[in-house]
Amino acid sequence: MEKAQLKKNRLDLEYHGEVQKANAFLILLTTGVLGFLGTFIWLNNTLFFLYGTGATMVLFSIGFVFYKKRLKRMKEILDEIEQLE
């Protein structure tokens, strides 16, 4: 096999790994935020609801940053693959 083909295969494997990580972040963010908010909606205490909403937004923001990092790396990998050909 040529060296370029081996590098392309490695980049393909890395890309698929990044896709799986991005999907995991997306699933965890969605289910986590909905579950967390669903728990706090039924509270009678408005203060606890606001605390729960604030905590949810902080966790969502952190997860979203990680998700965007995965998407950025995926784009970089695709650019590297295009430069090989």
N, C-alpha and C. Protein backbone atom coordinates (compact mmCIF):
# COMPACT_ATOMS: atom_id res chain seq x y z
N MET A 1 0.84 -1.19 0.00
CA MET A 1 0.00 0.00 0.00
C MET A 1 0.88 1.24 0.00
N GLU A 2 0.39 2.23 -0.66
CA GLU A 2 1.12 3.48 -0.68
C GLU A 2 0.97 4.20 0.66
N LYS A 3 1.95 5.06 0.93
CA LYS A 3 1.94 5.80 2.19
C LYS A 3 0.73 6.72 2.26
N ALA A 4 0.35 7.32 1.15
CA ALA A 4 -0.81 8.23 1.12
C ALA A 4 -2.10 7.47 1.43
N GLN A 5 -2.21 6.24 0.92
CA GLN A 5 -3.40 5.43 1.19
C GLN A 5 -3.47 5.05 2.66
N LEU A 6 -2.34 4.73 3.25
CA LEU A 6 -2.30 4.40 4.67
C LEU A 6 -2.71 5.60 5.53
N LYS A 7 -2.22 6.78 5.14
CA LYS A 7 -2.58 8.00 5.89
C LYS A 7 -4.08 8.28 5.74
N LYS A 8 -4.62 8.07 4.55
CA LYS A 8 -6.05 8.28 4.32
C LYS A 8 -6.87 7.32 5.18
N ASN A 9 -6.44 6.07 5.25
CA ASN A 9 -7.16 5.10 6.07
C ASN A 9 -7.13 5.50 7.54
N ARG A 10 -5.99 5.98 8.02
CA ARG A 10 -5.89 6.42 9.41
C ARG A 10 -6.79 7.61 9.67
N LEU A 11 -6.82 8.55 8.72
CA LEU A 11 -7.69 9.71 8.87
C LEU A 11 -9.17 9.31 8.84
N ASP A 12 -9.50 8.33 8.01
CA ASP A 12 -10.88 7.83 7.96
C ASP A 12 -11.29 7.24 9.30
N LEU A 13 -10.40 6.45 9.90
CA LEU A 13 -10.69 5.86 11.20
C LEU A 13 -10.83 6.95 12.27
N GLU A 14 -9.97 7.93 12.21
CA GLU A 14 -10.06 9.04 13.18
C GLU A 14 -11.36 9.81 12.99
N TYR A 15 -11.75 10.01 11.74
CA TYR A 15 -13.00 10.72 11.46
C TYR A 15 -14.19 9.97 12.05
N HIS A 16 -14.23 8.67 11.84
CA HIS A 16 -15.34 7.87 12.38
C HIS A 16 -15.37 7.90 13.91
N GLY A 17 -14.20 7.93 14.51
CA GLY A 17 -14.13 8.07 15.97
C GLY A 17 -14.70 9.40 16.43
N GLU A 18 -14.38 10.46 15.70
CA GLU A 18 -14.88 11.80 16.04
C GLU A 18 -16.40 11.86 15.84
N VAL A 19 -16.91 11.20 14.81
CA VAL A 19 -18.36 11.16 14.59
C VAL A 19 -19.06 10.49 15.76
N GLN A 20 -18.48 9.39 16.24
CA GLN A 20 -19.08 8.69 17.38
C GLN A 20 -19.05 9.55 18.63
N LYS A 21 -17.96 10.27 18.85
CA LYS A 21 -17.88 11.16 20.01
C LYS A 21 -18.91 12.29 19.90
N ALA A 22 -19.04 12.87 18.70
CA ALA A 22 -20.02 13.95 18.50
C ALA A 22 -21.43 13.45 18.74
N ASN A 23 -21.74 12.25 18.24
CA ASN A 23 -23.07 11.67 18.46
C ASN A 23 -23.32 11.42 19.94
N ALA A 24 -22.31 10.94 20.65
CA ALA A 24 -22.46 10.70 22.08
C ALA A 24 -22.73 12.01 22.82
N PHE A 25 -21.99 13.06 22.48
CA PHE A 25 -22.24 14.36 23.11
C PHE A 25 -23.65 14.84 22.83
N LEU A 26 -24.09 14.70 21.59
CA LEU A 26 -25.41 15.17 21.22
C LEU A 26 -26.50 14.40 21.97
N ILE A 27 -26.36 13.10 22.05
CA ILE A 27 -27.35 12.28 22.76
C ILE A 27 -27.36 12.61 24.25
N LEU A 28 -26.18 12.70 24.85
CA LEU A 28 -26.11 13.00 26.28
C LEU A 28 -26.64 14.40 26.58
N LEU A 29 -26.35 15.35 25.71
CA LEU A 29 -26.87 16.71 25.93
C LEU A 29 -28.39 16.72 25.86
N THR A 30 -28.93 16.09 24.85
CA THR A 30 -30.38 16.11 24.67
C THR A 30 -31.10 15.42 25.82
N THR A 31 -30.70 14.19 26.10
CA THR A 31 -31.39 13.45 27.16
C THR A 31 -31.12 14.05 28.53
N GLY A 32 -29.91 14.53 28.74
CA GLY A 32 -29.57 15.13 30.02
C GLY A 32 -30.34 16.41 30.29
N VAL A 33 -30.38 17.28 29.32
CA VAL A 33 -31.09 18.56 29.49
C VAL A 33 -32.59 18.32 29.65
N LEU A 34 -33.15 17.48 28.82
CA LEU A 34 -34.59 17.23 28.93
C LEU A 34 -34.95 16.56 30.25
N GLY A 35 -34.14 15.60 30.66
CA GLY A 35 -34.40 14.92 31.93
C GLY A 35 -34.23 15.85 33.12
N PHE A 36 -33.20 16.66 33.08
CA PHE A 36 -32.94 17.58 34.18
C PHE A 36 -34.04 18.64 34.29
N LEU A 37 -34.40 19.22 33.15
CA LEU A 37 -35.48 20.22 33.17
C LEU A 37 -36.81 19.58 33.54
N GLY A 38 -37.06 18.38 33.07
CA GLY A 38 -38.30 17.69 33.41
C GLY A 38 -38.43 17.46 34.90
N THR A 39 -37.33 17.25 35.56
CA THR A 39 -37.35 17.07 37.01
C THR A 39 -37.72 18.36 37.72
N PHE A 40 -37.20 19.46 37.25
CA PHE A 40 -37.40 20.73 37.95
C PHE A 40 -38.70 21.44 37.58
N ILE A 41 -39.35 21.05 36.49
CA ILE A 41 -40.60 21.70 36.10
C ILE A 41 -41.68 21.46 37.15
N TRP A 42 -41.69 20.30 37.77
CA TRP A 42 -42.75 19.94 38.70
C TRP A 42 -42.53 20.47 40.12
N LEU A 43 -41.45 21.20 40.33
CA LEU A 43 -41.20 21.76 41.66
C LEU A 43 -42.12 22.94 41.93
N ASN A 44 -42.58 23.03 43.15
CA ASN A 44 -43.40 24.16 43.53
C ASN A 44 -42.56 25.38 43.88
N ASN A 45 -41.31 25.15 44.26
CA ASN A 45 -40.42 26.23 44.65
C ASN A 45 -39.77 26.84 43.41
N THR A 46 -40.06 28.10 43.17
CA THR A 46 -39.52 28.79 42.00
C THR A 46 -38.01 28.93 42.08
N LEU A 47 -37.48 29.14 43.27
CA LEU A 47 -36.04 29.30 43.44
C LEU A 47 -35.30 28.04 43.02
N PHE A 48 -35.77 26.86 43.41
CA PHE A 48 -35.14 25.61 43.01
C PHE A 48 -35.24 25.42 41.49
N PHE A 49 -36.34 25.83 40.92
CA PHE A 49 -36.50 25.73 39.46
C PHE A 49 -35.46 26.60 38.76
N LEU A 50 -35.25 27.80 39.28
CA LEU A 50 -34.26 28.70 38.67
C LEU A 50 -32.84 28.14 38.84
N TYR A 51 -32.54 27.58 40.00
CA TYR A 51 -31.24 26.94 40.20
C TYR A 51 -31.05 25.78 39.22
N GLY A 52 -32.08 24.97 39.08
CA GLY A 52 -32.01 23.84 38.15
C GLY A 52 -31.84 24.29 36.72
N THR A 53 -32.55 25.34 36.34
CA THR A 53 -32.42 25.88 34.98
C THR A 53 -31.02 26.44 34.76
N GLY A 54 -30.50 27.14 35.75
CA GLY A 54 -29.14 27.67 35.64
C GLY A 54 -28.10 26.57 35.51
N ALA A 55 -28.22 25.56 36.34
CA ALA A 55 -27.28 24.43 36.27
C ALA A 55 -27.40 23.71 34.93
N THR A 56 -28.61 23.57 34.44
CA THR A 56 -28.82 22.92 33.14
C THR A 56 -28.16 23.72 32.03
N MET A 57 -28.31 25.03 32.07
CA MET A 57 -27.71 25.87 31.03
C MET A 57 -26.17 25.81 31.08
N VAL A 58 -25.61 25.77 32.28
CA VAL A 58 -24.16 25.68 32.41
C VAL A 58 -23.67 24.35 31.82
N LEU A 59 -24.31 23.26 32.20
CA LEU A 59 -23.92 21.95 31.68
C LEU A 59 -24.13 21.86 30.17
N PHE A 60 -25.21 22.45 29.70
CA PHE A 60 -25.48 22.45 28.26
C PHE A 60 -24.39 23.22 27.52
N SER A 61 -23.99 24.36 28.07
CA SER A 61 -22.95 25.18 27.44
C SER A 61 -21.63 24.42 27.36
N ILE A 62 -21.26 23.75 28.44
CA ILE A 62 -20.02 22.97 28.44
C ILE A 62 -20.09 21.85 27.41
N GLY A 63 -21.19 21.14 27.37
CA GLY A 63 -21.36 20.06 26.40
C GLY A 63 -21.36 20.57 24.97
N PHE A 64 -21.96 21.73 24.77
CA PHE A 64 -22.02 22.31 23.42
C PHE A 64 -20.63 22.69 22.94
N VAL A 65 -19.79 23.19 23.85
CA VAL A 65 -18.42 23.53 23.49
C VAL A 65 -17.67 22.28 23.03
N PHE A 66 -17.82 21.19 23.78
CA PHE A 66 -17.17 19.93 23.38
C PHE A 66 -17.71 19.43 22.05
N TYR A 67 -19.00 19.57 21.83
CA TYR A 67 -19.61 19.15 20.57
C TYR A 67 -19.03 19.96 19.40
N LYS A 68 -18.92 21.26 19.58
CA LYS A 68 -18.37 22.12 18.52
C LYS A 68 -16.90 21.78 18.25
N LYS A 69 -16.15 21.40 19.28
CA LYS A 69 -14.76 21.00 19.08
C LYS A 69 -14.68 19.76 18.21
N ARG A 70 -15.58 18.79 18.45
CA ARG A 70 -15.60 17.57 17.64
C ARG A 70 -15.92 17.92 16.19
N LEU A 71 -16.89 18.80 15.97
CA LEU A 71 -17.25 19.18 14.59
C LEU A 71 -16.08 19.88 13.90
N LYS A 72 -15.38 20.71 14.63
CA LYS A 72 -14.23 21.42 14.06
C LYS A 72 -13.14 20.42 13.66
N ARG A 73 -12.87 19.45 14.53
CA ARG A 73 -11.85 18.44 14.21
C ARG A 73 -12.28 17.59 13.03
N MET A 74 -13.56 17.29 12.92
CA MET A 74 -14.05 16.52 11.78
C MET A 74 -13.81 17.28 10.47
N LYS A 75 -14.05 18.58 10.50
CA LYS A 75 -13.81 19.40 9.31
C LYS A 75 -12.32 19.42 8.96
N GLU A 76 -11.47 19.51 9.98
CA GLU A 76 -10.03 19.48 9.73
C GLU A 76 -9.60 18.15 9.10
N ILE A 77 -10.16 17.07 9.57
CA ILE A 77 -9.82 15.75 9.01
C ILE A 77 -10.25 15.68 7.56
N LEU A 78 -11.45 16.16 7.25
CA LEU A 78 -11.90 16.14 5.86
C LEU A 78 -10.99 16.99 4.97
N ASP A 79 -10.55 18.14 5.48
CA ASP A 79 -9.62 18.98 4.71
C ASP A 79 -8.29 18.26 4.48
N GLU A 80 -7.81 17.55 5.49
CA GLU A 80 -6.56 16.79 5.34
C GLU A 80 -6.72 15.69 4.29
N ILE A 81 -7.87 15.02 4.28
CA ILE A 81 -8.11 13.97 3.29
C ILE A 81 -8.15 14.55 1.89
N GLU A 82 -8.79 15.70 1.73
CA GLU A 82 -8.86 16.34 0.41
C GLU A 82 -7.47 16.74 -0.08
N GLN A 83 -6.59 17.15 0.82
CA GLN A 83 -5.25 17.54 0.41
C GLN A 83 -4.41 16.35 -0.02
N LEU A 84 -4.74 15.16 0.47
CA LEU A 84 -4.00 13.96 0.08
C LEU A 84 -4.25 13.58 -1.38
N GLU A 85 -5.44 13.82 -1.85
CA GLU A 85 -5.81 13.35 -3.19
C GLU A 85 -5.41 14.31 -4.27
